[in-house]
N, C-alpha and C. Protein backbone atom coordinates (compact mmCIF):
# COMPACT_ATOMS: atom_id res chain seq x y z
N MET A 1 0.78 -1.26 -0.04
CA MET A 1 0.00 -0.04 -0.01
C MET A 1 0.87 1.25 -0.02
N LYS A 2 1.90 1.26 0.84
CA LYS A 2 2.76 2.35 0.91
C LYS A 2 3.54 2.55 -0.45
N LYS A 3 3.87 1.42 -1.10
CA LYS A 3 4.57 1.55 -2.35
C LYS A 3 3.63 2.14 -3.46
N LEU A 4 2.37 1.72 -3.51
CA LEU A 4 1.44 2.33 -4.42
C LEU A 4 1.27 3.76 -4.21
N LEU A 5 1.19 4.17 -2.90
CA LEU A 5 0.99 5.64 -2.57
C LEU A 5 2.24 6.41 -3.02
N ARG A 6 3.46 5.79 -2.87
CA ARG A 6 4.66 6.50 -3.24
C ARG A 6 4.71 6.71 -4.81
N GLN A 7 4.29 5.67 -5.46
CA GLN A 7 4.32 5.78 -6.97
C GLN A 7 3.28 6.87 -7.44
N SER A 8 2.17 6.90 -6.78
CA SER A 8 1.11 7.90 -7.15
C SER A 8 1.63 9.31 -6.94
N LEU A 9 2.32 9.55 -5.77
CA LEU A 9 2.88 10.77 -5.47
C LEU A 9 3.88 11.20 -6.48
N LEU A 10 4.79 10.25 -6.88
CA LEU A 10 5.84 10.55 -7.93
C LEU A 10 5.16 10.94 -9.21
N ILE A 11 4.12 10.22 -9.67
CA ILE A 11 3.45 10.59 -10.92
C ILE A 11 2.84 11.94 -10.86
N MET A 12 2.16 12.24 -9.72
CA MET A 12 1.54 13.59 -9.59
C MET A 12 2.61 14.64 -9.50
N ALA A 13 3.76 14.36 -9.02
CA ALA A 13 4.86 15.31 -9.00
C ALA A 13 5.44 15.67 -10.32
N PHE A 14 5.49 14.60 -11.16
CA PHE A 14 6.15 14.73 -12.51
C PHE A 14 5.12 15.20 -13.61
N MET A 15 3.82 15.12 -13.30
CA MET A 15 2.86 15.45 -14.26
C MET A 15 2.95 16.97 -14.74
N PRO A 16 3.06 17.91 -13.92
CA PRO A 16 3.32 19.29 -14.36
C PRO A 16 4.50 19.45 -15.27
N PHE A 17 5.61 18.74 -15.01
CA PHE A 17 6.70 18.89 -15.84
C PHE A 17 6.50 18.26 -17.18
N ALA A 18 5.75 17.11 -17.18
CA ALA A 18 5.49 16.45 -18.53
C ALA A 18 4.56 17.29 -19.33
N ALA A 19 3.54 17.88 -18.70
CA ALA A 19 2.52 18.77 -19.49
C ALA A 19 3.31 20.03 -19.93
N LYS A 20 4.21 20.52 -19.17
CA LYS A 20 4.93 21.69 -19.62
C LYS A 20 5.80 21.35 -20.82
N ALA A 21 6.48 20.18 -20.81
CA ALA A 21 7.31 19.75 -21.93
C ALA A 21 6.48 19.50 -23.13
N GLN A 22 5.30 18.89 -22.97
CA GLN A 22 4.45 18.71 -24.20
C GLN A 22 3.96 20.05 -24.74
N PHE A 23 3.62 20.98 -23.86
CA PHE A 23 3.16 22.32 -24.30
C PHE A 23 4.36 23.05 -25.04
N GLU A 24 5.54 22.95 -24.47
CA GLU A 24 6.62 23.55 -25.18
C GLU A 24 6.95 22.97 -26.50
N THR A 25 6.79 21.60 -26.68
CA THR A 25 6.94 20.98 -27.99
C THR A 25 5.90 21.36 -28.96
N PHE A 26 4.62 21.53 -28.50
CA PHE A 26 3.55 21.95 -29.42
C PHE A 26 3.74 23.40 -29.79
N ARG A 27 4.16 24.27 -28.83
CA ARG A 27 4.34 25.65 -29.14
C ARG A 27 5.49 25.88 -30.13
N ASP A 28 6.55 24.97 -30.05
CA ASP A 28 7.67 25.11 -30.91
C ASP A 28 7.24 24.71 -32.33
N SER A 29 6.18 23.83 -32.46
CA SER A 29 5.83 23.37 -33.84
C SER A 29 4.80 24.33 -34.50
N VAL A 30 4.24 25.24 -33.84
CA VAL A 30 3.34 26.17 -34.36
C VAL A 30 4.08 27.30 -35.12
N VAL A 31 3.62 27.55 -36.32
CA VAL A 31 4.28 28.58 -37.21
C VAL A 31 3.23 29.52 -37.77
N GLN A 32 3.63 30.84 -37.74
CA GLN A 32 2.79 31.86 -38.29
C GLN A 32 3.32 32.04 -39.72
N LEU A 33 2.50 31.52 -40.68
CA LEU A 33 2.86 31.67 -42.13
C LEU A 33 2.13 32.91 -42.68
N TYR A 34 2.93 33.74 -43.32
CA TYR A 34 2.42 34.91 -43.98
C TYR A 34 3.20 35.18 -45.22
N GLY A 35 2.61 35.92 -46.17
CA GLY A 35 3.27 36.21 -47.36
C GLY A 35 2.32 36.88 -48.41
N VAL A 36 2.74 36.78 -49.63
CA VAL A 36 1.88 37.42 -50.74
C VAL A 36 1.95 36.47 -51.95
N VAL A 37 0.81 36.42 -52.60
CA VAL A 37 0.65 35.59 -53.80
C VAL A 37 0.49 36.51 -55.03
N MET A 38 1.35 36.24 -55.97
CA MET A 38 1.49 37.11 -57.17
C MET A 38 1.54 36.30 -58.45
N THR A 39 1.12 36.93 -59.54
CA THR A 39 1.23 36.33 -60.84
C THR A 39 2.69 36.16 -61.26
N ALA A 40 3.02 35.04 -62.02
CA ALA A 40 4.43 34.84 -62.34
C ALA A 40 4.89 35.64 -63.47
N ASP A 41 3.93 36.15 -64.37
CA ASP A 41 4.42 36.91 -65.48
C ASP A 41 4.46 38.38 -65.22
N SER A 42 3.55 38.92 -64.44
CA SER A 42 3.54 40.42 -64.21
C SER A 42 3.77 40.83 -62.73
N LEU A 43 3.96 39.83 -61.87
CA LEU A 43 4.18 40.13 -60.47
C LEU A 43 3.08 41.01 -59.86
N ARG A 44 1.84 40.68 -60.23
CA ARG A 44 0.67 41.42 -59.71
C ARG A 44 -0.01 40.60 -58.57
N GLY A 45 -0.36 41.28 -57.50
CA GLY A 45 -0.97 40.62 -56.37
C GLY A 45 -2.19 40.07 -56.73
N LEU A 46 -2.50 38.86 -56.37
CA LEU A 46 -3.79 38.09 -56.73
C LEU A 46 -4.76 38.08 -55.57
N PRO A 47 -5.91 38.67 -55.71
CA PRO A 47 -6.86 38.63 -54.60
C PRO A 47 -7.68 37.41 -54.61
N ALA A 48 -8.24 37.01 -53.47
CA ALA A 48 -9.25 35.86 -53.31
C ALA A 48 -8.58 34.52 -53.76
N VAL A 49 -7.29 34.43 -53.42
CA VAL A 49 -6.63 33.07 -53.63
C VAL A 49 -6.96 32.20 -52.45
N SER A 50 -7.41 30.98 -52.70
CA SER A 50 -7.68 30.00 -51.66
C SER A 50 -6.43 29.38 -51.13
N ILE A 51 -6.22 29.50 -49.83
CA ILE A 51 -4.99 28.80 -49.22
C ILE A 51 -5.56 27.88 -48.24
N LEU A 52 -5.37 26.57 -48.39
CA LEU A 52 -5.88 25.46 -47.60
C LEU A 52 -4.69 24.66 -47.05
N VAL A 53 -4.86 24.32 -45.72
CA VAL A 53 -3.89 23.43 -45.06
C VAL A 53 -4.40 22.04 -45.38
N LYS A 54 -3.75 21.26 -46.12
CA LYS A 54 -4.21 19.94 -46.64
C LYS A 54 -4.39 18.95 -45.43
N GLY A 55 -5.54 18.32 -45.41
CA GLY A 55 -5.78 17.32 -44.41
C GLY A 55 -6.40 17.84 -43.13
N THR A 56 -6.57 19.16 -43.03
CA THR A 56 -7.15 19.81 -41.85
C THR A 56 -8.47 20.54 -42.03
N GLY A 57 -8.78 20.97 -43.29
CA GLY A 57 -9.94 21.70 -43.55
C GLY A 57 -9.82 23.13 -43.16
N ARG A 58 -8.68 23.58 -42.68
CA ARG A 58 -8.48 25.00 -42.37
C ARG A 58 -7.89 25.75 -43.53
N GLY A 59 -8.16 27.06 -43.63
CA GLY A 59 -7.68 27.84 -44.73
C GLY A 59 -7.99 29.28 -44.58
N THR A 60 -7.62 30.02 -45.53
CA THR A 60 -7.86 31.45 -45.62
C THR A 60 -7.83 31.97 -47.02
N LEU A 61 -8.12 33.30 -47.30
CA LEU A 61 -8.06 33.90 -48.52
C LEU A 61 -7.16 35.07 -48.49
N THR A 62 -6.58 35.42 -49.69
CA THR A 62 -5.69 36.62 -49.73
C THR A 62 -6.65 37.83 -49.87
N ASN A 63 -6.12 38.91 -49.39
CA ASN A 63 -6.87 40.17 -49.56
C ASN A 63 -6.71 40.82 -50.95
N GLY A 64 -7.13 42.07 -51.10
CA GLY A 64 -7.09 42.69 -52.42
C GLY A 64 -5.79 42.82 -52.97
N GLN A 65 -4.71 42.89 -52.09
CA GLN A 65 -3.23 43.04 -52.65
C GLN A 65 -2.60 41.66 -52.67
N GLY A 66 -3.29 40.54 -52.40
CA GLY A 66 -2.69 39.16 -52.53
C GLY A 66 -1.96 38.86 -51.21
N VAL A 67 -2.09 39.60 -50.07
CA VAL A 67 -1.42 39.29 -48.78
C VAL A 67 -2.23 38.37 -48.01
N PHE A 68 -1.59 37.44 -47.24
CA PHE A 68 -2.32 36.57 -46.42
C PHE A 68 -1.55 36.19 -45.17
N SER A 69 -2.26 35.61 -44.21
CA SER A 69 -1.56 35.19 -42.97
C SER A 69 -2.38 34.08 -42.33
N ILE A 70 -1.71 32.97 -41.86
CA ILE A 70 -2.45 31.78 -41.36
C ILE A 70 -1.52 31.06 -40.39
N VAL A 71 -2.07 30.42 -39.36
CA VAL A 71 -1.31 29.65 -38.47
C VAL A 71 -1.26 28.25 -38.83
N VAL A 72 -0.08 27.63 -38.99
CA VAL A 72 0.11 26.29 -39.40
C VAL A 72 1.12 25.53 -38.49
N LEU A 73 1.32 24.30 -38.85
CA LEU A 73 2.33 23.49 -38.03
C LEU A 73 3.44 23.14 -38.97
N LYS A 74 4.61 22.85 -38.37
CA LYS A 74 5.80 22.45 -39.13
C LYS A 74 5.48 21.07 -39.79
N GLY A 75 5.77 21.01 -41.09
CA GLY A 75 5.56 19.83 -41.86
C GLY A 75 4.23 19.83 -42.66
N ASP A 76 3.39 20.85 -42.36
CA ASP A 76 2.11 20.92 -43.08
C ASP A 76 2.29 21.28 -44.56
N GLU A 77 1.37 20.82 -45.41
CA GLU A 77 1.40 21.09 -46.79
C GLU A 77 0.33 22.12 -47.05
N ILE A 78 0.70 23.19 -47.75
CA ILE A 78 -0.19 24.42 -48.04
C ILE A 78 -0.48 24.37 -49.51
N GLU A 79 -1.76 24.38 -49.86
CA GLU A 79 -2.18 24.37 -51.26
C GLU A 79 -2.78 25.70 -51.62
N PHE A 80 -2.24 26.36 -52.71
CA PHE A 80 -2.68 27.63 -53.21
C PHE A 80 -3.49 27.32 -54.56
N SER A 81 -4.73 27.76 -54.60
CA SER A 81 -5.59 27.60 -55.70
C SER A 81 -6.33 28.87 -55.99
N CYS A 82 -6.48 29.12 -57.34
CA CYS A 82 -7.22 30.25 -57.85
C CYS A 82 -7.66 29.89 -59.23
N ILE A 83 -8.91 30.39 -59.60
CA ILE A 83 -9.38 30.16 -60.91
C ILE A 83 -8.66 30.83 -61.99
N GLY A 84 -8.19 30.06 -62.99
CA GLY A 84 -7.45 30.57 -64.12
C GLY A 84 -5.94 30.34 -63.80
N PHE A 85 -5.56 29.72 -62.70
CA PHE A 85 -4.18 29.46 -62.43
C PHE A 85 -3.96 28.08 -61.90
N LYS A 86 -2.78 27.56 -62.24
CA LYS A 86 -2.42 26.20 -61.73
C LYS A 86 -2.22 26.15 -60.22
N ASN A 87 -2.69 25.02 -59.60
CA ASN A 87 -2.51 24.95 -58.24
C ASN A 87 -1.04 24.72 -57.83
N LYS A 88 -0.71 25.25 -56.64
CA LYS A 88 0.63 25.13 -56.09
C LYS A 88 0.60 24.58 -54.67
N ILE A 89 1.58 23.79 -54.37
CA ILE A 89 1.65 23.12 -52.99
C ILE A 89 3.00 23.42 -52.43
N THR A 90 3.04 24.01 -51.26
CA THR A 90 4.19 24.34 -50.54
C THR A 90 4.22 23.62 -49.15
N LYS A 91 5.37 23.05 -48.83
CA LYS A 91 5.45 22.31 -47.59
C LYS A 91 6.32 23.19 -46.63
N ILE A 92 5.82 23.29 -45.39
CA ILE A 92 6.52 24.02 -44.28
C ILE A 92 7.67 23.12 -43.78
N PRO A 93 8.90 23.61 -43.80
CA PRO A 93 10.01 22.78 -43.34
C PRO A 93 9.79 22.38 -41.89
N THR A 94 10.32 21.11 -41.60
CA THR A 94 10.18 20.59 -40.16
C THR A 94 11.42 21.01 -39.35
N ASN A 95 12.52 21.36 -39.96
CA ASN A 95 13.75 21.71 -39.27
C ASN A 95 13.94 23.17 -39.24
N MET A 96 12.95 23.98 -39.51
CA MET A 96 13.16 25.42 -39.50
C MET A 96 13.28 25.95 -38.07
N GLU A 97 13.90 27.06 -37.90
CA GLU A 97 14.19 27.70 -36.65
C GLU A 97 13.15 28.83 -36.47
N GLY A 98 12.63 29.01 -35.27
CA GLY A 98 11.64 30.02 -35.10
C GLY A 98 10.22 29.60 -35.36
N ASN A 99 9.35 30.51 -35.21
CA ASN A 99 7.93 30.25 -35.42
C ASN A 99 7.22 31.12 -36.42
N GLN A 100 8.06 31.74 -37.36
CA GLN A 100 7.52 32.54 -38.35
C GLN A 100 8.10 32.17 -39.69
N PHE A 101 7.32 32.12 -40.75
CA PHE A 101 7.75 31.71 -42.07
C PHE A 101 7.10 32.55 -43.15
N SER A 102 7.81 33.23 -43.98
CA SER A 102 7.30 34.08 -44.98
C SER A 102 7.56 33.45 -46.29
N ILE A 103 6.61 33.76 -47.30
CA ILE A 103 6.72 33.15 -48.56
C ILE A 103 6.18 34.14 -49.62
N ILE A 104 6.75 34.11 -50.81
CA ILE A 104 6.18 34.78 -51.94
C ILE A 104 5.83 33.72 -53.00
N GLN A 105 4.59 33.44 -53.18
CA GLN A 105 4.06 32.38 -53.99
C GLN A 105 3.71 32.96 -55.36
N LEU A 106 4.33 32.38 -56.42
CA LEU A 106 3.96 32.85 -57.75
C LEU A 106 3.06 31.82 -58.42
N MET A 107 2.00 32.38 -59.10
CA MET A 107 0.98 31.49 -59.72
C MET A 107 1.10 31.62 -61.21
N VAL A 108 1.05 30.46 -61.90
CA VAL A 108 1.22 30.43 -63.34
C VAL A 108 -0.19 30.25 -63.98
N ASN A 109 -0.38 31.02 -65.10
CA ASN A 109 -1.69 30.95 -65.74
C ASN A 109 -1.96 29.48 -66.24
N ASP A 110 -3.18 29.11 -66.10
CA ASP A 110 -3.65 27.72 -66.54
C ASP A 110 -4.41 27.97 -67.86
N THR A 111 -3.83 27.49 -68.98
CA THR A 111 -4.42 27.68 -70.31
C THR A 111 -5.56 26.70 -70.44
N SER A 112 -6.72 27.22 -70.92
CA SER A 112 -7.91 26.31 -71.19
C SER A 112 -8.20 26.39 -72.67
N PHE A 113 -8.38 25.30 -73.34
CA PHE A 113 -8.68 25.23 -74.76
C PHE A 113 -10.16 24.93 -74.89
N LEU A 114 -10.84 25.89 -75.53
CA LEU A 114 -12.34 25.77 -75.76
C LEU A 114 -12.54 25.18 -77.19
N PRO A 115 -13.63 24.52 -77.42
CA PRO A 115 -13.92 24.07 -78.73
C PRO A 115 -14.10 25.17 -79.72
N ALA A 116 -13.72 24.90 -81.01
CA ALA A 116 -13.85 26.00 -81.96
C ALA A 116 -15.32 26.31 -82.33
N ALA A 117 -15.54 27.60 -82.52
CA ALA A 117 -16.88 28.12 -82.85
C ALA A 117 -16.89 28.59 -84.29
N ILE A 118 -17.77 27.99 -85.10
CA ILE A 118 -17.83 28.26 -86.57
C ILE A 118 -18.91 29.29 -86.71
N ILE A 119 -18.62 30.51 -87.21
CA ILE A 119 -19.54 31.55 -87.47
C ILE A 119 -19.89 31.52 -88.89
N LYS A 120 -21.18 31.40 -89.28
CA LYS A 120 -21.59 31.42 -90.65
C LYS A 120 -22.48 32.59 -90.91
N PRO A 121 -22.50 33.07 -92.24
CA PRO A 121 -23.29 34.19 -92.54
C PRO A 121 -24.76 33.94 -92.47
N ARG A 122 -25.60 34.91 -92.33
CA ARG A 122 -27.04 34.76 -92.32
C ARG A 122 -27.58 34.18 -93.62
N PRO A 123 -28.46 33.15 -93.57
CA PRO A 123 -28.95 32.59 -94.81
C PRO A 123 -29.93 33.55 -95.56
N SER A 124 -30.06 33.38 -96.85
CA SER A 124 -30.92 34.19 -97.62
C SER A 124 -32.39 33.77 -97.27
N ARG A 125 -33.33 34.63 -97.78
CA ARG A 125 -34.71 34.37 -97.51
C ARG A 125 -35.17 33.01 -98.12
N GLU A 126 -34.66 32.74 -99.29
CA GLU A 126 -35.09 31.53 -99.92
C GLU A 126 -34.53 30.35 -99.13
N GLN A 127 -33.25 30.38 -98.69
CA GLN A 127 -32.71 29.33 -97.91
C GLN A 127 -33.45 29.14 -96.53
N PHE A 128 -33.85 30.24 -95.94
CA PHE A 128 -34.57 30.18 -94.68
C PHE A 128 -35.95 29.52 -94.83
N GLU A 129 -36.64 29.92 -95.90
CA GLU A 129 -37.95 29.32 -96.20
C GLU A 129 -37.86 27.82 -96.48
N ARG A 130 -36.76 27.45 -97.30
CA ARG A 130 -36.61 26.01 -97.61
C ARG A 130 -36.30 25.17 -96.32
N ASP A 131 -35.44 25.74 -95.48
CA ASP A 131 -35.11 24.94 -94.21
C ASP A 131 -36.21 25.01 -93.25
N PHE A 132 -37.00 26.07 -93.20
CA PHE A 132 -38.11 26.10 -92.31
C PHE A 132 -39.19 25.18 -92.67
N VAL A 133 -39.47 25.01 -93.98
CA VAL A 133 -40.50 24.11 -94.41
C VAL A 133 -40.06 22.64 -94.30
N GLY A 134 -38.79 22.45 -94.50
CA GLY A 134 -38.28 21.10 -94.47
C GLY A 134 -37.78 20.56 -93.03
N THR A 135 -37.98 21.42 -92.06
CA THR A 135 -37.55 21.03 -90.72
C THR A 135 -38.51 20.03 -90.14
N ASP A 136 -37.92 18.92 -89.59
CA ASP A 136 -38.79 17.88 -89.04
C ASP A 136 -39.14 18.21 -87.59
N VAL A 137 -40.37 18.67 -87.44
CA VAL A 137 -40.88 19.10 -86.03
C VAL A 137 -41.32 17.87 -85.24
N PRO A 138 -40.76 17.60 -84.13
CA PRO A 138 -41.25 16.41 -83.37
C PRO A 138 -42.61 16.55 -82.88
N ASP A 139 -43.38 15.45 -82.67
CA ASP A 139 -44.70 15.52 -82.24
C ASP A 139 -44.80 15.94 -80.76
N ASP A 140 -45.83 16.73 -80.40
CA ASP A 140 -45.94 17.08 -79.07
C ASP A 140 -46.80 15.92 -78.33
N ASN A 141 -47.06 16.22 -77.05
CA ASN A 141 -47.79 15.22 -76.29
C ASN A 141 -49.16 14.93 -76.77
N ILE A 142 -49.82 15.92 -77.29
CA ILE A 142 -51.21 15.72 -77.77
C ILE A 142 -51.29 14.87 -78.98
N GLU A 143 -50.28 15.08 -79.90
CA GLU A 143 -50.20 14.30 -81.16
C GLU A 143 -49.80 12.88 -80.85
N ILE A 144 -48.92 12.72 -79.83
CA ILE A 144 -48.55 11.31 -79.47
C ILE A 144 -49.67 10.60 -78.85
N ALA A 145 -50.33 11.19 -78.03
CA ALA A 145 -51.61 10.62 -77.39
C ALA A 145 -52.62 10.26 -78.45
N ARG A 146 -52.83 11.15 -79.45
CA ARG A 146 -53.80 10.88 -80.51
C ARG A 146 -53.37 9.74 -81.33
N ARG A 147 -52.12 9.60 -81.59
CA ARG A 147 -51.60 8.49 -82.42
C ARG A 147 -51.67 7.15 -81.67
N ASN A 148 -51.48 7.19 -80.31
CA ASN A 148 -51.56 5.95 -79.53
C ASN A 148 -52.97 5.52 -79.29
N THR A 149 -53.85 6.40 -79.32
CA THR A 149 -55.32 5.96 -79.09
C THR A 149 -56.05 5.80 -80.40
N ASP A 150 -55.35 5.75 -81.53
CA ASP A 150 -56.03 5.45 -82.83
C ASP A 150 -56.65 4.05 -82.81
N MET A 151 -57.78 3.93 -83.51
CA MET A 151 -58.56 2.66 -83.50
C MET A 151 -57.69 1.53 -84.07
N ALA A 152 -56.96 1.81 -85.16
CA ALA A 152 -56.14 0.71 -85.72
C ALA A 152 -54.97 0.31 -84.84
N THR A 153 -54.41 1.36 -84.15
CA THR A 153 -53.34 1.03 -83.21
C THR A 153 -53.88 0.18 -82.05
N ARG A 154 -54.94 0.59 -81.53
CA ARG A 154 -55.63 -0.27 -80.41
C ARG A 154 -55.89 -1.59 -80.87
N ARG A 155 -56.39 -1.78 -82.06
CA ARG A 155 -56.68 -3.21 -82.50
C ARG A 155 -55.40 -4.04 -82.63
N MET A 156 -54.42 -3.41 -83.15
CA MET A 156 -53.09 -4.09 -83.30
C MET A 156 -52.53 -4.45 -81.95
N LEU A 157 -52.63 -3.56 -80.95
CA LEU A 157 -52.14 -3.83 -79.66
C LEU A 157 -53.00 -4.99 -78.99
N MET A 158 -54.25 -5.00 -79.16
CA MET A 158 -55.12 -6.05 -78.62
C MET A 158 -54.78 -7.33 -79.20
N ARG A 159 -54.36 -7.35 -80.49
CA ARG A 159 -54.07 -8.68 -81.05
C ARG A 159 -52.55 -9.19 -80.67
N THR A 160 -51.64 -8.29 -80.40
CA THR A 160 -50.38 -8.65 -80.19
C THR A 160 -49.93 -8.79 -78.71
N LEU A 161 -50.46 -7.87 -77.94
CA LEU A 161 -50.06 -7.88 -76.49
C LEU A 161 -50.88 -8.90 -75.71
N PRO A 162 -50.22 -9.62 -74.75
CA PRO A 162 -50.91 -10.66 -74.00
C PRO A 162 -51.83 -9.90 -72.91
N ASN A 163 -52.79 -10.69 -72.42
CA ASN A 163 -53.65 -10.09 -71.38
C ASN A 163 -52.86 -10.02 -70.11
N ASP A 164 -53.12 -9.03 -69.32
CA ASP A 164 -52.44 -8.95 -68.00
C ASP A 164 -53.37 -9.72 -66.94
N GLY A 165 -52.94 -9.71 -65.77
CA GLY A 165 -53.62 -10.58 -64.79
C GLY A 165 -54.99 -10.19 -64.48
N LYS A 166 -55.28 -8.85 -64.46
CA LYS A 166 -56.64 -8.39 -64.25
C LYS A 166 -57.59 -8.77 -65.35
N GLU A 167 -57.16 -8.59 -66.62
CA GLU A 167 -58.01 -9.04 -67.74
C GLU A 167 -58.23 -10.51 -67.73
N SER A 168 -57.28 -11.30 -67.44
CA SER A 168 -57.42 -12.77 -67.46
C SER A 168 -58.42 -13.20 -66.33
N VAL A 169 -58.32 -12.56 -65.19
CA VAL A 169 -59.20 -12.92 -64.10
C VAL A 169 -60.64 -12.54 -64.46
N ASN A 170 -60.83 -11.38 -65.05
CA ASN A 170 -62.19 -10.93 -65.42
C ASN A 170 -62.76 -11.80 -66.51
N MET A 171 -61.99 -12.23 -67.39
CA MET A 171 -62.47 -13.06 -68.48
C MET A 171 -62.92 -14.44 -67.92
N ASN A 172 -62.07 -15.04 -67.01
CA ASN A 172 -62.44 -16.28 -66.35
C ASN A 172 -63.76 -16.20 -65.55
N LEU A 173 -63.86 -15.02 -64.79
CA LEU A 173 -65.05 -14.80 -64.04
C LEU A 173 -66.28 -14.74 -64.95
N ALA A 174 -66.09 -14.04 -66.03
CA ALA A 174 -67.29 -13.94 -66.91
C ALA A 174 -67.68 -15.29 -67.58
N ARG A 175 -66.70 -16.04 -67.99
CA ARG A 175 -66.99 -17.34 -68.44
C ARG A 175 -67.69 -18.19 -67.41
N SER A 176 -67.17 -18.16 -66.21
CA SER A 176 -67.81 -18.97 -65.16
C SER A 176 -69.22 -18.56 -64.85
N ALA A 177 -69.44 -17.19 -64.86
CA ALA A 177 -70.76 -16.69 -64.57
C ALA A 177 -71.72 -17.15 -65.71
N GLN A 178 -71.34 -17.11 -66.96
CA GLN A 178 -72.15 -17.53 -68.06
C GLN A 178 -72.40 -19.06 -67.99
N LYS A 179 -71.39 -19.82 -67.50
CA LYS A 179 -71.65 -21.28 -67.38
C LYS A 179 -72.63 -21.62 -66.35
N TYR A 180 -72.49 -20.92 -65.13
CA TYR A 180 -73.40 -21.15 -64.06
C TYR A 180 -74.76 -20.67 -64.31
N TYR A 181 -74.88 -19.67 -65.22
CA TYR A 181 -76.23 -19.09 -65.56
C TYR A 181 -77.11 -20.12 -66.29
N TYR A 182 -76.43 -20.91 -67.20
CA TYR A 182 -77.20 -21.84 -67.96
C TYR A 182 -77.08 -23.32 -67.42
N THR A 183 -76.69 -23.47 -66.10
CA THR A 183 -76.63 -24.78 -65.55
C THR A 183 -78.00 -25.49 -65.56
N GLY A 184 -77.94 -26.70 -66.09
CA GLY A 184 -79.20 -27.50 -66.17
C GLY A 184 -80.00 -27.30 -67.40
N GLN A 185 -79.53 -26.41 -68.35
CA GLN A 185 -80.30 -26.24 -69.50
C GLN A 185 -79.32 -25.95 -70.65
N ALA A 186 -79.81 -26.06 -71.82
CA ALA A 186 -78.97 -25.88 -73.01
C ALA A 186 -78.77 -24.39 -73.27
N PRO A 187 -77.49 -23.95 -73.42
CA PRO A 187 -77.27 -22.54 -73.67
C PRO A 187 -77.81 -22.08 -75.07
N PRO A 188 -78.25 -20.95 -75.22
CA PRO A 188 -78.79 -20.49 -76.49
C PRO A 188 -77.75 -20.38 -77.56
N MET A 189 -78.11 -20.71 -78.78
CA MET A 189 -77.13 -20.69 -79.85
C MET A 189 -77.43 -19.36 -80.76
N ASN A 190 -76.38 -18.61 -81.08
CA ASN A 190 -76.56 -17.36 -81.78
C ASN A 190 -76.45 -17.51 -83.26
N ILE A 191 -76.74 -18.82 -83.76
CA ILE A 191 -76.54 -19.01 -85.20
C ILE A 191 -77.78 -18.24 -85.95
N PHE A 192 -78.83 -18.09 -85.29
CA PHE A 192 -79.97 -17.37 -85.88
C PHE A 192 -80.08 -15.88 -85.36
N ASN A 193 -79.03 -15.43 -84.70
CA ASN A 193 -79.04 -14.04 -84.12
C ASN A 193 -78.41 -13.14 -85.15
N PRO A 194 -79.18 -12.19 -85.75
CA PRO A 194 -78.54 -11.34 -86.73
C PRO A 194 -77.51 -10.40 -86.15
N PHE A 195 -77.70 -9.97 -84.90
CA PHE A 195 -76.57 -9.14 -84.27
C PHE A 195 -75.28 -9.84 -84.18
N ALA A 196 -75.35 -11.18 -83.78
CA ALA A 196 -74.13 -12.03 -83.70
C ALA A 196 -73.45 -12.15 -85.03
N TRP A 197 -74.30 -12.42 -86.10
CA TRP A 197 -73.69 -12.55 -87.44
C TRP A 197 -73.07 -11.20 -87.93
N GLY A 198 -73.61 -10.06 -87.58
CA GLY A 198 -73.08 -8.79 -87.99
C GLY A 198 -71.70 -8.58 -87.21
N GLU A 199 -71.63 -8.94 -85.89
CA GLU A 199 -70.31 -8.82 -85.23
C GLU A 199 -69.33 -9.82 -85.80
N PHE A 200 -69.82 -10.99 -86.16
CA PHE A 200 -68.85 -12.00 -86.76
C PHE A 200 -68.26 -11.49 -88.11
N ILE A 201 -69.07 -10.87 -88.98
CA ILE A 201 -68.63 -10.35 -90.24
C ILE A 201 -67.68 -9.20 -90.05
N ARG A 202 -67.89 -8.26 -89.08
CA ARG A 202 -67.07 -7.17 -88.86
C ARG A 202 -65.69 -7.66 -88.31
N SER A 203 -65.71 -8.66 -87.40
CA SER A 203 -64.47 -9.23 -86.88
C SER A 203 -63.66 -9.95 -88.01
N TRP A 204 -64.29 -10.55 -88.89
CA TRP A 204 -63.67 -11.28 -90.01
C TRP A 204 -63.05 -10.24 -90.95
N LYS A 205 -63.69 -9.13 -91.20
CA LYS A 205 -63.11 -8.13 -91.99
C LYS A 205 -61.93 -7.45 -91.37
N ARG A 206 -62.02 -7.32 -90.07
CA ARG A 206 -60.83 -6.73 -89.35
C ARG A 206 -59.65 -7.64 -89.27
N GLY A 207 -59.86 -8.93 -89.51
CA GLY A 207 -58.74 -9.89 -89.45
C GLY A 207 -58.48 -10.41 -88.06
N ASP A 208 -59.54 -10.44 -87.22
CA ASP A 208 -59.40 -10.95 -85.87
C ASP A 208 -59.08 -12.45 -85.82
N TYR A 209 -59.56 -13.23 -86.88
CA TYR A 209 -59.41 -14.63 -86.86
C TYR A 209 -58.20 -15.09 -87.63
N LYS A 210 -57.30 -14.18 -88.00
CA LYS A 210 -56.06 -14.59 -88.63
C LYS A 210 -55.09 -15.15 -87.64
N LYS A 211 -54.22 -16.06 -88.17
CA LYS A 211 -53.29 -16.71 -87.25
C LYS A 211 -52.22 -15.68 -86.83
N LYS A 212 -51.84 -15.62 -85.53
CA LYS A 212 -50.90 -14.70 -85.01
C LYS A 212 -49.53 -15.23 -85.22
């Protein structure tokens, strides 16, 4: 028990010294980075340049004259980015003396190649009228709906498309109802029904009985 108490007292006695040493190490690694960002060709200060400490999410922007200041750590990588210029990455030295580091960062223009634009003269009145009349105008929703609901189109779809589940169930129910209705008696024959013959002739003309 006395040994454990002695060890605890020693640890408590050395804790302030360890914390102080750790604080001194951290304070020695903190660097005040400041400088100016300029164009490489004209040495003009660049405003609104994004300065980001990679891996930390911390950063800042240059002012109207391209001047900036930010707190970083030794060994950090600093990325400079600006629209129209190539990105630059600068690493803070780990063996530097002191806690201040100044830099003049030059940015190089980033050339962007756009697709060629072909400018043609205005067409004549005759060319405009010919192109206007010959232009294929796509169908709107009303015309597409009218074409899809055409009688011939619906008949073709009825012959080619299979019945869905609801239609099959309704058909079987109708057949069962008709069968139960005439249970115990002979069902009527439509051979002498003029309306049935008229429907048969119309179906035959439409081609409903052709082989699919």
